[in-house]
Amino acid sequence: MTRLSLRRTSTGVAVAAFLFASACSRLPRNSKTLFVMVPKLVGIPYFNSARDGASAEATRLGLHFFYTGPTSADASLQVDVLAGLLARHPAVLAVSCDDANALAPVLRRARRYGISVLTWDADAQPDSRDWFVSQVEDETLGRHVMDVLAEQLGGHGQFAIITGSLTASNLNAWLFWMKKEQQEKYPDMQLVAVVPGNDDQQQSFVQAQALLQAYPNLRGFIGNSSAAPPAIARAIEQGGLSGKIAIAGLSTPNLMRQYIEDKTVRTITLWDPGKLGRLTAAVGAMLLRHETPRDGMNVPGVGQVRVFPGPRKIIMGSPLDFTRENIAQYSF
C-alpha cells in the first residue's frame, strides 16, 4: 500500500471515528428505552432493510432507536464500536456478529453492566448474549441452497462458493450444511473453492473473475452473503457466460432483479430482512418488559415464530425463493 493510500485510509478511519463519537455523544445515558442495533457493517441494502424494520417496530413500541456499526466487515472495528457504546449504557444492545469469538468478551462485559444483549442475523458465543434472533434454521437453509444449485447443474460438475467473512458464525453454519447436502446427495458435484468476499460487491466481483479464470470447467457458483450473488452475476455477464454457469445463493430481490429478469440467474434465496429487524426490536422490547419469548408467539408484522428455550434461540421462518415469476412482488 502506498503512503498516499495509507494516509487516505487513516483519514477515513479518523473521520468515521469522529462521526461515531459525535453520534454517541448525543445518546442519553442509562436510558431504560434505548435500543441500539449494530450490524456487521453499515451501508449495504440487506442491513439497511433490517435497520428500517427495527426502527419502525422500535418506534411503535416506544423505544429510542439508534443504529450504528463499522463501515467494513471487520470484527476488530465492530468490537471498537461496541466498546464505545457501553459508556452510554443502553437498555438493549442487538448485534449481528462478524466473529462469534472476537465479540464475545465485549458482549459479556455489556451483560455484566446490566445491559440486555441480543444477537441477530449472526450469533456470538451463547453465554455472551440473552437470546439469538435467527432468520432461518441453519440446516434448512444450507441444504435448500445446495438443492437449488444442484437442480440447475443436474447433480454434477464443479462449483465454487463466495462467502462473506470467513469468521461469521451464520455463514459458516450455512456452509457446513451446504457441504453436507452435496456430500450426501450429489457426489458427482465437486466443490473447488470457498473464498471470502467480505460482504463487499467489488471484492466478490474480483473473486468471481479469479475463480472463472482458475477453473475453466466451473459450472456453478453459490453466493453465501447478499453482496456475492450480484457480483457473481456481473462477472458472468461480463465474461459472456450467461446461461452457461449457474448461480444460487442468498441476496435481496432488489440487488438481483436485473439478473433474474435477464435470465442470468434463475433463482435466488433469502428472507425478509425488514421482518428480521422488526422481530429483533420486538424481542428487545419483551426483555425490557421482563417477558420470556414463547414458541408459536405471533409478532406483529412478522407472524408466528419458533422459540427454542434451551439454546435461547428464536427462528423467524423458512427461506424464500425469488424467481422471474414472483420477484415483482418484493421490494427490499
C-alpha atoms as a PDB file:
ATOM      1  CA  MET A   1       0.000   0.000   0.000  1.00  0.00           C
ATOM      2  CA  THR A   2       1.386   3.423  -0.893  1.00  0.00           C
ATOM      3  CA  ARG A   3       1.970   6.231   1.601  1.00  0.00           C
ATOM      4  CA  LEU A   4      -0.837   8.198  -0.042  1.00  0.00           C
ATOM      5  CA  SER A   5      -3.321   5.331   0.242  1.00  0.00           C
ATOM      6  CA  LEU A   6      -2.289   4.795   3.863  1.00  0.00           C
ATOM      7  CA  ARG A   7      -2.911   8.483   4.538  1.00  0.00           C
ATOM      8  CA  ARG A   8      -6.324   8.280   2.890  1.00  0.00           C
ATOM      9  CA  THR A   9      -7.217   5.138   4.851  1.00  0.00           C
ATOM     10  CA  SER A  10      -6.119   6.720   8.128  1.00  0.00           C
ATOM     11  CA  THR A  11      -8.101   9.834   7.345  1.00  0.00           C
ATOM     12  CA  GLY A  12     -11.198   7.790   6.540  1.00  0.00           C
ATOM     13  CA  VAL A  13     -10.898   5.846   9.808  1.00  0.00           C
ATOM     14  CA  ALA A  14     -10.412   9.073  11.749  1.00  0.00           C
ATOM     15  CA  VAL A  15     -13.458  10.675  10.145  1.00  0.00           C
ATOM     16  CA  ALA A  16     -15.575   7.584  10.820  1.00  0.00           C
ATOM     17  CA  ALA A  17     -14.408   7.541  14.447  1.00  0.00           C
ATOM     18  CA  PHE A  18     -15.230  11.236  14.823  1.00  0.00           C
ATOM     19  CA  LEU A  19     -18.716  10.802  13.370  1.00  0.00           C
ATOM     20  CA  PHE A  20     -19.367   7.784  15.586  1.00  0.00           C
ATOM     21  CA  ALA A  21     -18.181   9.638  18.688  1.00  0.00           C
ATOM     22  CA  SER A  22     -20.316  12.646  17.781  1.00  0.00           C
ATOM     23  CA  ALA A  23     -23.399  10.465  17.302  1.00  0.00           C
ATOM     24  CA  CYS A  24     -22.817   8.629  20.586  1.00  0.00           C
ATOM     25  CA  SER A  25     -22.367  11.906  22.455  1.00  0.00           C
ATOM     26  CA  ARG A  26     -25.988  12.758  21.638  1.00  0.00           C
ATOM     27  CA  LEU A  27     -27.318   9.491  23.058  1.00  0.00           C
ATOM     28  CA  PRO A  28     -28.899   9.511  26.504  1.00  0.00           C
ATOM     29  CA  ARG A  29     -27.002   7.740  29.267  1.00  0.00           C
ATOM     30  CA  ASN A  30     -28.603   4.907  31.215  1.00  0.00           C
ATOM     31  CA  SER A  31     -31.822   5.182  29.207  1.00  0.00           C
ATOM     32  CA  LYS A  32     -34.343   2.484  30.046  1.00  0.00           C
ATOM     33  CA  THR A  33     -35.736   2.689  26.494  1.00  0.00           C
ATOM     34  CA  LEU A  34     -32.560   2.987  24.380  1.00  0.00           C
ATOM     35  CA  PHE A  35     -32.422   0.134  21.824  1.00  0.00           C
ATOM     36  CA  VAL A  36     -29.105   0.054  19.930  1.00  0.00           C
ATOM     37  CA  MET A  37     -28.754  -2.061  16.801  1.00  0.00           C
ATOM     38  CA  VAL A  38     -25.301  -2.914  15.409  1.00  0.00           C
ATOM     39  CA  PRO A  39     -24.926  -4.713  12.032  1.00  0.00           C
ATOM     40  CA  LYS A  40     -21.770  -6.355  10.729  1.00  0.00           C
ATOM     41  CA  LEU A  41     -21.316  -3.238   8.610  1.00  0.00           C
ATOM     42  CA  VAL A  42     -23.376  -0.235   7.638  1.00  0.00           C
ATOM     43  CA  GLY A  43     -24.318   0.886   4.146  1.00  0.00           C
ATOM     44  CA  ILE A  44     -25.385  -2.300   2.352  1.00  0.00           C
ATOM     45  CA  PRO A  45     -29.006  -2.962   1.290  1.00  0.00           C
ATOM     46  CA  TYR A  46     -29.507  -6.063   3.427  1.00  0.00           C
ATOM     47  CA  PHE A  47     -28.669  -4.315   6.680  1.00  0.00           C
ATOM     48  CA  ASN A  48     -30.416  -1.117   5.592  1.00  0.00           C
ATOM     49  CA  SER A  49     -33.626  -3.103   5.270  1.00  0.00           C
ATOM     50  CA  ALA A  50     -33.138  -4.703   8.704  1.00  0.00           C
ATOM     51  CA  ARG A  51     -32.485  -1.231  10.161  1.00  0.00           C
ATOM     52  CA  ASP A  52     -35.702   0.155   8.690  1.00  0.00           C
ATOM     53  CA  GLY A  53     -37.780  -2.712  10.039  1.00  0.00           C
ATOM     54  CA  ALA A  54     -36.255  -2.434  13.504  1.00  0.00           C
ATOM     55  CA  SER A  55     -36.675   1.335  13.554  1.00  0.00           C
ATOM     56  CA  ALA A  56     -40.366   1.103  12.668  1.00  0.00           C
ATOM     57  CA  GLU A  57     -41.052  -1.539  15.321  1.00  0.00           C
ATOM     58  CA  ALA A  58     -38.991   0.250  17.982  1.00  0.00           C
ATOM     59  CA  THR A  59     -40.922   3.461  17.341  1.00  0.00           C
ATOM     60  CA  ARG A  60     -44.229   1.590  17.539  1.00  0.00           C
ATOM     61  CA  LEU A  61     -43.210   0.135  20.886  1.00  0.00           C
ATOM     62  CA  GLY A  62     -41.974   3.435  22.324  1.00  0.00           C
ATOM     63  CA  LEU A  63     -38.251   2.661  22.231  1.00  0.00           C
ATOM     64  CA  HIS A  64     -35.495   5.159  21.467  1.00  0.00           C
ATOM     65  CA  PHE A  65     -33.778   3.571  18.420  1.00  0.00           C
ATOM     66  CA  PHE A  66     -30.127   4.054  17.466  1.00  0.00           C
ATOM     67  CA  TYR A  67     -28.315   2.263  14.634  1.00  0.00           C
ATOM     68  CA  THR A  68     -24.560   2.250  14.110  1.00  0.00           C
ATOM     69  CA  GLY A  69     -21.725  -0.031  13.064  1.00  0.00           C
ATOM     70  CA  PRO A  70     -18.393  -0.336  11.269  1.00  0.00           C
ATOM     71  CA  THR A  71     -18.031   0.680   7.630  1.00  0.00           C
ATOM     72  CA  SER A  72     -16.455  -2.660   6.669  1.00  0.00           C
ATOM     73  CA  ALA A  73     -16.927  -6.262   7.792  1.00  0.00           C
ATOM     74  CA  ASP A  74     -14.126  -6.311  10.357  1.00  0.00           C
ATOM     75  CA  ALA A  75     -14.574  -7.848  13.808  1.00  0.00           C
ATOM     76  CA  SER A  76     -11.999  -5.575  15.449  1.00  0.00           C
ATOM     77  CA  LEU A  77     -13.831  -2.496  14.187  1.00  0.00           C
ATOM     78  CA  GLN A  78     -17.112  -3.918  15.446  1.00  0.00           C
ATOM     79  CA  VAL A  79     -15.571  -4.506  18.879  1.00  0.00           C
ATOM     80  CA  ASP A  80     -14.446  -0.859  18.947  1.00  0.00           C
ATOM     81  CA  VAL A  81     -17.975   0.308  18.095  1.00  0.00           C
ATOM     82  CA  LEU A  82     -19.469  -1.828  20.867  1.00  0.00           C
ATOM     83  CA  ALA A  83     -16.903  -0.707  23.438  1.00  0.00           C
ATOM     84  CA  GLY A  84     -17.779   2.907  22.663  1.00  0.00           C
ATOM     85  CA  LEU A  85     -21.491   2.206  23.099  1.00  0.00           C
ATOM     86  CA  LEU A  86     -21.100   0.674  26.561  1.00  0.00           C
ATOM     87  CA  ALA A  87     -20.348   4.093  28.042  1.00  0.00           C
ATOM     88  CA  ARG A  88     -23.903   5.163  27.172  1.00  0.00           C
ATOM     89  CA  HIS A  89     -25.332   2.055  28.910  1.00  0.00           C
ATOM     90  CA  PRO A  90     -28.219   1.313  26.505  1.00  0.00           C
ATOM     91  CA  ALA A  91     -31.140  -0.770  27.720  1.00  0.00           C
ATOM     92  CA  VAL A  92     -30.773  -3.289  24.872  1.00  0.00           C
ATOM     93  CA  LEU A  93     -27.826  -3.982  22.593  1.00  0.00           C
ATOM     94  CA  ALA A  94     -28.631  -6.016  19.445  1.00  0.00           C
ATOM     95  CA  VAL A  95     -25.638  -7.180  17.380  1.00  0.00           C
ATOM     96  CA  SER A  96     -25.122  -9.083  14.126  1.00  0.00           C
ATOM     97  CA  CYS A  97     -21.737 -10.580  14.937  1.00  0.00           C
ATOM     98  CA  ASP A  98     -18.902 -10.633  12.426  1.00  0.00           C
ATOM     99  CA  ASP A  99     -16.943 -13.078  14.595  1.00  0.00           C
ATOM    100  CA  ALA A 100     -18.608 -15.137  17.335  1.00  0.00           C
ATOM    101  CA  ASN A 101     -15.413 -15.468  19.354  1.00  0.00           C
ATOM    102  CA  ALA A 102     -13.967 -11.988  18.918  1.00  0.00           C
ATOM    103  CA  LEU A 103     -17.168 -10.245  20.000  1.00  0.00           C
ATOM    104  CA  ALA A 104     -17.945 -12.469  22.979  1.00  0.00           C
ATOM    105  CA  PRO A 105     -15.767 -10.613  25.555  1.00  0.00           C
ATOM    106  CA  VAL A 106     -17.280  -7.183  24.925  1.00  0.00           C
ATOM    107  CA  LEU A 107     -20.797  -8.643  24.898  1.00  0.00           C
ATOM    108  CA  ARG A 108     -20.129 -10.415  28.200  1.00  0.00           C
ATOM    109  CA  ARG A 109     -18.972  -7.082  29.612  1.00  0.00           C
ATOM    110  CA  ALA A 110     -22.221  -5.480  28.444  1.00  0.00           C
ATOM    111  CA  ARG A 111     -24.211  -8.134  30.298  1.00  0.00           C
ATOM    112  CA  ARG A 112     -22.156  -7.566  33.450  1.00  0.00           C
ATOM    113  CA  TYR A 113     -23.145  -3.907  33.194  1.00  0.00           C
ATOM    114  CA  GLY A 114     -26.794  -4.964  33.249  1.00  0.00           C
ATOM    115  CA  ILE A 115     -27.425  -4.416  29.523  1.00  0.00           C
ATOM    116  CA  SER A 116     -29.754  -6.872  27.785  1.00  0.00           C
ATOM    117  CA  VAL A 117     -27.832  -8.372  24.851  1.00  0.00           C
ATOM    118  CA  LEU A 118     -29.389  -9.841  21.716  1.00  0.00           C
ATOM    119  CA  THR A 119     -27.602 -11.260  18.735  1.00  0.00           C
ATOM    120  CA  TRP A 120     -29.461 -11.237  15.428  1.00  0.00           C
ATOM    121  CA  ASP A 121     -28.603 -12.493  11.934  1.00  0.00           C
ATOM    122  CA  ALA A 122     -25.264 -13.909  13.179  1.00  0.00           C
ATOM    123  CA  ASP A 123     -24.682 -15.278  16.664  1.00  0.00           C
ATOM    124  CA  ALA A 124     -21.914 -14.940  19.262  1.00  0.00           C
ATOM    125  CA  GLN A 125     -20.921 -17.409  21.981  1.00  0.00           C
ATOM    126  CA  PRO A 126     -24.180 -18.372  23.743  1.00  0.00           C
ATOM    127  CA  ASP A 127     -23.001 -17.248  27.186  1.00  0.00           C
ATOM    128  CA  SER A 128     -22.362 -13.734  25.865  1.00  0.00           C
ATOM    129  CA  ARG A 129     -25.986 -12.930  24.956  1.00  0.00           C
ATOM    130  CA  ASP A 130     -29.517 -13.362  26.261  1.00  0.00           C
ATOM    131  CA  TRP A 131     -31.200 -14.522  23.018  1.00  0.00           C
ATOM    132  CA  PHE A 132     -30.254 -15.088  19.384  1.00  0.00           C
ATOM    133  CA  VAL A 133     -32.809 -13.917  16.802  1.00  0.00           C
ATOM    134  CA  SER A 134     -32.207 -16.048  13.712  1.00  0.00           C
ATOM    135  CA  GLN A 135     -33.704 -15.575  10.289  1.00  0.00           C
ATOM    136  CA  VAL A 136     -33.975 -19.308   9.452  1.00  0.00           C
ATOM    137  CA  GLU A 137     -32.928 -22.715  10.708  1.00  0.00           C
ATOM    138  CA  ASP A 138     -29.327 -23.265   9.587  1.00  0.00           C
ATOM    139  CA  GLU A 139     -29.724 -26.809   8.289  1.00  0.00           C
ATOM    140  CA  THR A 140     -32.888 -25.997   6.348  1.00  0.00           C
ATOM    141  CA  LEU A 141     -31.262 -23.037   4.615  1.00  0.00           C
ATOM    142  CA  GLY A 142     -27.920 -24.653   3.819  1.00  0.00           C
ATOM    143  CA  ARG A 143     -29.450 -27.794   2.366  1.00  0.00           C
ATOM    144  CA  HIS A 144     -32.009 -25.797   0.386  1.00  0.00           C
ATOM    145  CA  VAL A 145     -29.429 -23.553  -1.293  1.00  0.00           C
ATOM    146  CA  MET A 146     -27.386 -26.580  -2.327  1.00  0.00           C
ATOM    147  CA  ASP A 147     -30.523 -28.225  -3.738  1.00  0.00           C
ATOM    148  CA  VAL A 148     -31.255 -25.092  -5.791  1.00  0.00           C
ATOM    149  CA  LEU A 149     -27.777 -25.199  -7.364  1.00  0.00           C
ATOM    150  CA  ALA A 150     -27.770 -28.975  -7.850  1.00  0.00           C
ATOM    151  CA  GLU A 151     -31.089 -28.873  -9.690  1.00  0.00           C
ATOM    152  CA  GLN A 152     -29.592 -26.421 -12.200  1.00  0.00           C
ATOM    153  CA  LEU A 153     -26.430 -28.495 -12.624  1.00  0.00           C
ATOM    154  CA  GLY A 154     -28.207 -31.813 -12.946  1.00  0.00           C
ATOM    155  CA  GLY A 155     -26.284 -33.033  -9.906  1.00  0.00           C
ATOM    156  CA  HIS A 156     -22.796 -32.987 -11.434  1.00  0.00           C
ATOM    157  CA  GLY A 157     -19.929 -30.593 -12.166  1.00  0.00           C
ATOM    158  CA  GLN A 158     -17.556 -28.180 -10.470  1.00  0.00           C
ATOM    159  CA  PHE A 159     -18.796 -25.275  -8.367  1.00  0.00           C
ATOM    160  CA  ALA A 160     -17.336 -22.607  -6.103  1.00  0.00           C
ATOM    161  CA  ILE A 161     -18.655 -20.643  -3.131  1.00  0.00           C
ATOM    162  CA  ILE A 162     -18.075 -16.967  -2.398  1.00  0.00           C
ATOM    163  CA  THR A 163     -18.997 -16.272   1.205  1.00  0.00           C
ATOM    164  CA  GLY A 164     -18.821 -13.119   3.329  1.00  0.00           C
ATOM    165  CA  SER A 165     -16.425 -13.048   6.258  1.00  0.00           C
ATOM    166  CA  LEU A 166     -14.691 -16.346   6.999  1.00  0.00           C
ATOM    167  CA  THR A 167     -15.382 -15.831  10.714  1.00  0.00           C
ATOM    168  CA  ALA A 168     -19.157 -15.147  10.535  1.00  0.00           C
ATOM    169  CA  SER A 169     -20.960 -17.842  12.537  1.00  0.00           C
ATOM    170  CA  ASN A 170     -24.143 -17.779  10.469  1.00  0.00           C
ATOM    171  CA  LEU A 171     -22.348 -18.037   7.130  1.00  0.00           C
ATOM    172  CA  ASN A 172     -20.152 -20.866   8.409  1.00  0.00           C
ATOM    173  CA  ALA A 173     -23.180 -22.776   9.707  1.00  0.00           C
ATOM    174  CA  TRP A 174     -24.900 -22.470   6.323  1.00  0.00           C
ATOM    175  CA  LEU A 175     -21.674 -23.536   4.585  1.00  0.00           C
ATOM    176  CA  PHE A 176     -21.490 -26.637   6.766  1.00  0.00           C
ATOM    177  CA  TRP A 177     -24.974 -27.747   5.711  1.00  0.00           C
ATOM    178  CA  MET A 178     -24.401 -26.872   2.046  1.00  0.00           C
ATOM    179  CA  LYS A 179     -21.323 -29.093   2.027  1.00  0.00           C
ATOM    180  CA  LYS A 180     -23.099 -31.869   3.907  1.00  0.00           C
ATOM    181  CA  GLU A 181     -26.016 -31.842   1.457  1.00  0.00           C
ATOM    182  CA  GLN A 182     -23.636 -32.012  -1.501  1.00  0.00           C
ATOM    183  CA  GLN A 183     -21.642 -34.869   0.022  1.00  0.00           C
ATOM    184  CA  GLU A 184     -24.748 -36.871   0.907  1.00  0.00           C
ATOM    185  CA  LYS A 185     -26.927 -36.264  -2.160  1.00  0.00           C
ATOM    186  CA  TYR A 186     -24.725 -35.035  -5.009  1.00  0.00           C
ATOM    187  CA  PRO A 187     -21.422 -36.960  -5.006  1.00  0.00           C
ATOM    188  CA  ASP A 188     -20.810 -36.078  -8.665  1.00  0.00           C
ATOM    189  CA  MET A 189     -20.572 -32.382  -7.800  1.00  0.00           C
ATOM    190  CA  GLN A 190     -17.141 -31.026  -6.845  1.00  0.00           C
ATOM    191  CA  LEU A 191     -16.569 -28.003  -4.604  1.00  0.00           C
ATOM    192  CA  VAL A 192     -13.340 -26.454  -5.899  1.00  0.00           C
ATOM    193  CA  ALA A 193     -13.015 -23.395  -3.638  1.00  0.00           C
ATOM    194  CA  VAL A 194     -14.583 -21.353  -0.826  1.00  0.00           C
ATOM    195  CA  VAL A 195     -13.349 -17.767  -0.824  1.00  0.00           C
ATOM    196  CA  PRO A 196     -14.315 -14.634   1.141  1.00  0.00           C
ATOM    197  CA  GLY A 197     -15.997 -11.607  -0.401  1.00  0.00           C
ATOM    198  CA  ASN A 198     -16.304  -9.855   2.974  1.00  0.00           C
ATOM    199  CA  ASP A 199     -19.847  -8.620   2.243  1.00  0.00           C
ATOM    200  CA  ASP A 200     -18.420  -6.312  -0.422  1.00  0.00           C
ATOM    201  CA  GLN A 201     -19.635  -6.437  -4.029  1.00  0.00           C
ATOM    202  CA  GLN A 202     -16.360  -5.296  -5.571  1.00  0.00           C
ATOM    203  CA  GLN A 203     -14.303  -7.835  -3.610  1.00  0.00           C
ATOM    204  CA  SER A 204     -16.799 -10.552  -4.535  1.00  0.00           C
ATOM    205  CA  PHE A 205     -16.666  -9.499  -8.203  1.00  0.00           C
ATOM    206  CA  VAL A 206     -12.865  -9.788  -8.235  1.00  0.00           C
ATOM    207  CA  GLN A 207     -13.081 -13.198  -6.555  1.00  0.00           C
ATOM    208  CA  ALA A 208     -15.622 -14.395  -9.127  1.00  0.00           C
ATOM    209  CA  GLN A 209     -13.415 -13.279 -12.009  1.00  0.00           C
ATOM    210  CA  ALA A 210     -10.415 -15.044 -10.476  1.00  0.00           C
ATOM    211  CA  LEU A 211     -12.374 -18.279  -9.994  1.00  0.00           C
ATOM    212  CA  LEU A 212     -13.655 -18.218 -13.568  1.00  0.00           C
ATOM    213  CA  GLN A 213     -10.096 -17.911 -14.784  1.00  0.00           C
ATOM    214  CA  ALA A 214      -8.654 -20.523 -12.403  1.00  0.00           C
ATOM    215  CA  TYR A 215     -11.334 -23.153 -13.100  1.00  0.00           C
ATOM    216  CA  PRO A 216     -12.304 -23.186 -16.787  1.00  0.00           C
ATOM    217  CA  ASN A 217     -14.664 -26.139 -16.195  1.00  0.00           C
ATOM    218  CA  LEU A 218     -16.601 -24.350 -13.468  1.00  0.00           C
ATOM    219  CA  ARG A 219     -20.359 -24.869 -13.896  1.00  0.00           C
ATOM    220  CA  GLY A 220     -21.829 -23.076 -10.902  1.00  0.00           C
ATOM    221  CA  PHE A 221     -21.489 -20.641  -8.015  1.00  0.00           C
ATOM    222  CA  ILE A 222     -23.085 -20.176  -4.626  1.00  0.00           C
ATOM    223  CA  GLY A 223     -23.053 -16.691  -3.162  1.00  0.00           C
ATOM    224  CA  ASN A 224     -23.243 -17.089   0.617  1.00  0.00           C
ATOM    225  CA  SER A 225     -23.820 -13.438   1.518  1.00  0.00           C
ATOM    226  CA  SER A 226     -26.072 -10.802  -0.006  1.00  0.00           C
ATOM    227  CA  ALA A 227     -23.204  -8.999  -1.765  1.00  0.00           C
ATOM    228  CA  ALA A 228     -21.891 -12.101  -3.530  1.00  0.00           C
ATOM    229  CA  PRO A 229     -24.653 -13.181  -5.984  1.00  0.00           C
ATOM    230  CA  PRO A 230     -24.961  -9.809  -7.807  1.00  0.00           C
ATOM    231  CA  ALA A 231     -21.183  -9.637  -8.059  1.00  0.00           C
ATOM    232  CA  ILE A 232     -21.012 -13.174  -9.446  1.00  0.00           C
ATOM    233  CA  ALA A 233     -23.770 -12.400 -11.948  1.00  0.00           C
ATOM    234  CA  ARG A 234     -21.928  -9.279 -13.105  1.00  0.00           C
ATOM    235  CA  ALA A 235     -18.709 -11.271 -13.620  1.00  0.00           C
ATOM    236  CA  ILE A 236     -20.582 -13.934 -15.594  1.00  0.00           C
ATOM    237  CA  GLU A 237     -22.312 -11.383 -17.807  1.00  0.00           C
ATOM    238  CA  GLN A 238     -19.084  -9.503 -18.466  1.00  0.00           C
ATOM    239  CA  GLY A 239     -17.413 -12.782 -19.370  1.00  0.00           C
ATOM    240  CA  GLY A 240     -20.154 -13.622 -21.874  1.00  0.00           C
ATOM    241  CA  LEU A 241     -21.130 -16.694 -19.862  1.00  0.00           C
ATOM    242  CA  SER A 242     -24.807 -16.019 -19.144  1.00  0.00           C
ATOM    243  CA  GLY A 243     -26.797 -19.239 -19.352  1.00  0.00           C
ATOM    244  CA  LYS A 244     -23.636 -21.340 -19.160  1.00  0.00           C
ATOM    245  CA  ILE A 245     -22.854 -21.014 -15.434  1.00  0.00           C
ATOM    246  CA  ALA A 246     -25.495 -21.448 -12.748  1.00  0.00           C
ATOM    247  CA  ILE A 247     -25.871 -19.203  -9.710  1.00  0.00           C
ATOM    248  CA  ALA A 248     -27.584 -19.939  -6.392  1.00  0.00           C
ATOM    249  CA  GLY A 249     -27.297 -18.280  -3.031  1.00  0.00           C
ATOM    250  CA  LEU A 250     -28.536 -15.518  -0.783  1.00  0.00           C
ATOM    251  CA  SER A 251     -29.355 -11.950  -1.747  1.00  0.00           C
ATOM    252  CA  THR A 252     -32.133  -9.381  -1.815  1.00  0.00           C
ATOM    253  CA  PRO A 253     -34.612  -9.107  -4.692  1.00  0.00           C
ATOM    254  CA  ASN A 254     -33.601  -5.501  -5.363  1.00  0.00           C
ATOM    255  CA  LEU A 255     -29.948  -6.475  -5.832  1.00  0.00           C
ATOM    256  CA  MET A 256     -30.830  -9.426  -8.052  1.00  0.00           C
ATOM    257  CA  ARG A 257     -33.805  -8.102 -10.015  1.00  0.00           C
ATOM    258  CA  GLN A 258     -31.965  -7.242 -13.245  1.00  0.00           C
ATOM    259  CA  TYR A 259     -30.066 -10.540 -13.267  1.00  0.00           C
ATOM    260  CA  ILE A 260     -33.210 -12.598 -12.713  1.00  0.00           C
ATOM    261  CA  GLU A 261     -35.177 -10.663 -15.313  1.00  0.00           C
ATOM    262  CA  ASP A 262     -32.437 -11.115 -17.952  1.00  0.00           C
ATOM    263  CA  LYS A 263     -32.162 -14.843 -17.039  1.00  0.00           C
ATOM    264  CA  THR A 264     -28.535 -14.774 -15.882  1.00  0.00           C
ATOM    265  CA  VAL A 265     -29.920 -16.008 -12.544  1.00  0.00           C
ATOM    266  CA  ARG A 266     -32.839 -18.415 -12.272  1.00  0.00           C
ATOM    267  CA  THR A 267     -33.439 -18.489  -8.501  1.00  0.00           C
ATOM    268  CA  ILE A 268     -32.079 -16.576  -5.519  1.00  0.00           C
ATOM    269  CA  THR A 269     -32.942 -17.252  -1.887  1.00  0.00           C
ATOM    270  CA  LEU A 270     -33.343 -15.106   1.203  1.00  0.00           C
ATOM    271  CA  TRP A 271     -35.926 -13.991   3.760  1.00  0.00           C
ATOM    272  CA  ASP A 272     -37.276 -10.533   4.515  1.00  0.00           C
ATOM    273  CA  PRO A 273     -34.530  -8.671   6.439  1.00  0.00           C
ATOM    274  CA  GLY A 274     -37.028  -5.950   7.333  1.00  0.00           C
ATOM    275  CA  LYS A 275     -39.066  -8.552   9.201  1.00  0.00           C
ATOM    276  CA  LEU A 276     -35.892  -9.786  10.900  1.00  0.00           C
ATOM    277  CA  GLY A 277     -35.273  -6.246  12.123  1.00  0.00           C
ATOM    278  CA  ARG A 278     -38.876  -5.983  13.352  1.00  0.00           C
ATOM    279  CA  LEU A 279     -38.575  -9.270  15.212  1.00  0.00           C
ATOM    280  CA  THR A 280     -35.304  -8.207  16.834  1.00  0.00           C
ATOM    281  CA  ALA A 281     -36.821  -4.967  18.114  1.00  0.00           C
ATOM    282  CA  ALA A 282     -39.922  -6.809  19.339  1.00  0.00           C
ATOM    283  CA  VAL A 283     -37.785  -9.287  21.307  1.00  0.00           C
ATOM    284  CA  GLY A 284     -35.757  -6.403  22.731  1.00  0.00           C
ATOM    285  CA  ALA A 285     -38.962  -4.782  23.979  1.00  0.00           C
ATOM    286  CA  MET A 286     -40.024  -8.092  25.546  1.00  0.00           C
ATOM    287  CA  LEU A 287     -36.777  -8.251  27.510  1.00  0.00           C
ATOM    288  CA  LEU A 288     -37.364  -4.747  28.830  1.00  0.00           C
ATOM    289  CA  ARG A 289     -40.831  -5.831  29.993  1.00  0.00           C
ATOM    290  CA  HIS A 290     -39.237  -8.901  31.635  1.00  0.00           C
ATOM    291  CA  GLU A 291     -41.212 -11.203  29.348  1.00  0.00           C
ATOM    292  CA  THR A 292     -39.910 -14.524  28.032  1.00  0.00           C
ATOM    293  CA  PRO A 293     -40.316 -15.334  24.311  1.00  0.00           C
ATOM    294  CA  ARG A 294     -42.594 -18.325  23.806  1.00  0.00           C
ATOM    295  CA  ASP A 295     -42.835 -20.837  20.981  1.00  0.00           C
ATOM    296  CA  GLY A 296     -45.516 -20.036  18.423  1.00  0.00           C
ATOM    297  CA  MET A 297     -45.950 -16.430  19.549  1.00  0.00           C
ATOM    298  CA  ASN A 298     -47.331 -14.103  16.890  1.00  0.00           C
ATOM    299  CA  VAL A 299     -45.227 -10.999  16.313  1.00  0.00           C
ATOM    300  CA  PRO A 300     -46.985  -8.094  14.536  1.00  0.00           C
ATOM    301  CA  GLY A 301     -45.612  -7.635  11.029  1.00  0.00           C
ATOM    302  CA  VAL A 302     -43.668 -10.906  11.261  1.00  0.00           C
ATOM    303  CA  GLY A 303     -46.063 -13.753  12.072  1.00  0.00           C
ATOM    304  CA  GLN A 304     -45.576 -16.857  14.191  1.00  0.00           C
ATOM    305  CA  VAL A 305     -42.023 -17.691  15.226  1.00  0.00           C
ATOM    306  CA  ARG A 306     -40.266 -20.718  16.683  1.00  0.00           C
ATOM    307  CA  VAL A 307     -38.652 -20.382  20.096  1.00  0.00           C
ATOM    308  CA  PHE A 308     -36.094 -22.843  21.490  1.00  0.00           C
ATOM    309  CA  PRO A 309     -35.568 -22.147  25.223  1.00  0.00           C
ATOM    310  CA  GLY A 310     -32.521 -24.408  25.592  1.00  0.00           C
ATOM    311  CA  PRO A 311     -30.157 -22.562  23.252  1.00  0.00           C
ATOM    312  CA  ARG A 312     -32.242 -19.371  23.740  1.00  0.00           C
ATOM    313  CA  LYS A 313     -32.781 -19.100  20.012  1.00  0.00           C
ATOM    314  CA  ILE A 314     -35.700 -17.618  18.063  1.00  0.00           C
ATOM    315  CA  ILE A 315     -36.239 -18.590  14.422  1.00  0.00           C
ATOM    316  CA  MET A 316     -38.244 -16.252  12.215  1.00  0.00           C
ATOM    317  CA  GLY A 317     -39.322 -18.620   9.449  1.00  0.00           C
ATOM    318  CA  SER A 318     -38.460 -20.511   6.270  1.00  0.00           C
ATOM    319  CA  PRO A 319     -36.280 -19.428   3.335  1.00  0.00           C
ATOM    320  CA  LEU A 320     -37.959 -17.731   0.400  1.00  0.00           C
ATOM    321  CA  ASP A 321     -37.015 -18.211  -3.270  1.00  0.00           C
ATOM    322  CA  PHE A 322     -37.193 -15.307  -5.718  1.00  0.00           C
ATOM    323  CA  THR A 323     -37.734 -16.114  -9.402  1.00  0.00           C
ATOM    324  CA  ARG A 324     -38.950 -14.315 -12.526  1.00  0.00           C
ATOM    325  CA  GLU A 325     -42.470 -15.382 -11.586  1.00  0.00           C
ATOM    326  CA  ASN A 326     -42.589 -13.697  -8.164  1.00  0.00           C
ATOM    327  CA  ILE A 327     -39.774 -11.128  -7.836  1.00  0.00           C
ATOM    328  CA  ALA A 328     -42.041  -8.230  -8.839  1.00  0.00           C
ATOM    329  CA  GLN A 329     -43.969  -8.806  -5.602  1.00  0.00           C
ATOM    330  CA  TYR A 330     -40.967  -7.844  -3.450  1.00  0.00           C
ATOM    331  CA  SER A 331     -39.052  -4.623  -2.931  1.00  0.00           C
ATOM    332  CA  PHE A 332     -36.212  -4.742  -0.416  1.00  0.00           C
END
